[in-house]
Amino acid sequence: MSEDRGGGELRTGALLALPGAGQQRVDVGAMCQFDELGAEVLLERPPRASRPRRELVAGVIGDVSDRDRRHACILLALAAERNPPARRRTRHTVGVDRAPADFYTGLVADLYAPLRSEVPDPEPYARFVERSGQPALELGCGDGDPILDLRERGLDVEGVDSSADMLDRCRVAAAARGLDVVLHHQPMEDLDTGRRYRSIYLAGPTFCLLPDDATAGRALERIAAHLEPGGTVLVPIFEPGPSPPAVLGVAREHVADDGALLRFTPLREARDDRARTQVTDVRYERIGPDGAAEVDDRSWLLHWYPQPVAVALAEAAGLTVASIRSPFGGAAAPDDTTFVLLLTLPG
């Protein structure tokens, strides 16, 4: 089967080359369906005014003209590698120019809990809230860890997250546990809950998902605006190390209750020490018992803060640094790249 779409002849069975094995630079956006018989690339030409300008090394080659490559909006699809059925259809999306606040959406939100590498221990956060006071606010509460454990203990804690999908999952989990929880759908840098809190905390290094110092500064300003005088803020920060080459391309898997295979794979990584950013291209997959697969590729950006930078941002926001702690206990050493900021608002 072949089609002509403005000069590019496409054939089922055209070669699909993954990144690292013959890459092409193409405009990113739209659709491709893949089964074990081959690949069919569906080309779309959006109106010139809305044509995507960003590019991503997507890895599609075959019987597609150079002109169509320049105009193509391509969505890669991969067949599942385990137990292939007689015929498999795959839906594949690529996250490009995705705002950091929207990373945890769709398939990523669905697969986050079963594929995450660790679950935050609620104890340190419960102790923090009990010591610093209530009401409390958890920033980046996601699908409910650890805020629901704190609510189960009767603590007055509200949650904020930038992902509506993760908050929906949090509400479902709260209902299943018979808990009431107040949740706000807002990015941290635009925080506006209409309330002040004695305790504000991030459970894990969510602060490092903010893409740059300017955004982090705005977030700290909004945090200060929501903190009661004399209240305390807990901000964990870490500098990610480069991923060992042996880790890239290795999937973490989980089999769901319905028999679906869930898979997370870090594909490649780019690090900029001057900008203090690390971007990891990752792939999320869900392969149903019938072989139907969903695949979502996204870029996960982390931005880190050395202690002097973190302190300067906090002080510029009107907060006072009470202490800089090691997550392992005691005061952090001046050159520690993993630490916890404890901030206060003068009362």
Foldseek 3Di string as FASTA:
>chain_A
DWDDDPHFIWDFAFDFFAPVGAWDKAAADDEKKDKPRHITWDFDAPPPVPQDDDIDGGGGDGRTDPVSRHRGHTFDWDFDPPPHDPIEIETGHEDDPDQLLAPCDDLNLVCVVVQPPDAFDCVVVLVQCVVQHDDEEEEQCFQHPPPLVSVVVVHNYAYEGQYPSRVVNNVVVCVVVVGDHHYYNDHLLPDDPPAATQEYEYRPQPLQSQFALVSSLSSLLNNLVRYDASGKYKHWFAQDDDDPPVQAPDWGWDQDPQRKIWIKGFHDKDADVVRQKIKTWMKIKIAGPNRYMYIYIYIRMGHGDQPVSVQVSNVVSQKHFPAKAAPVGDGDDNRHRTIMTMIGHHD
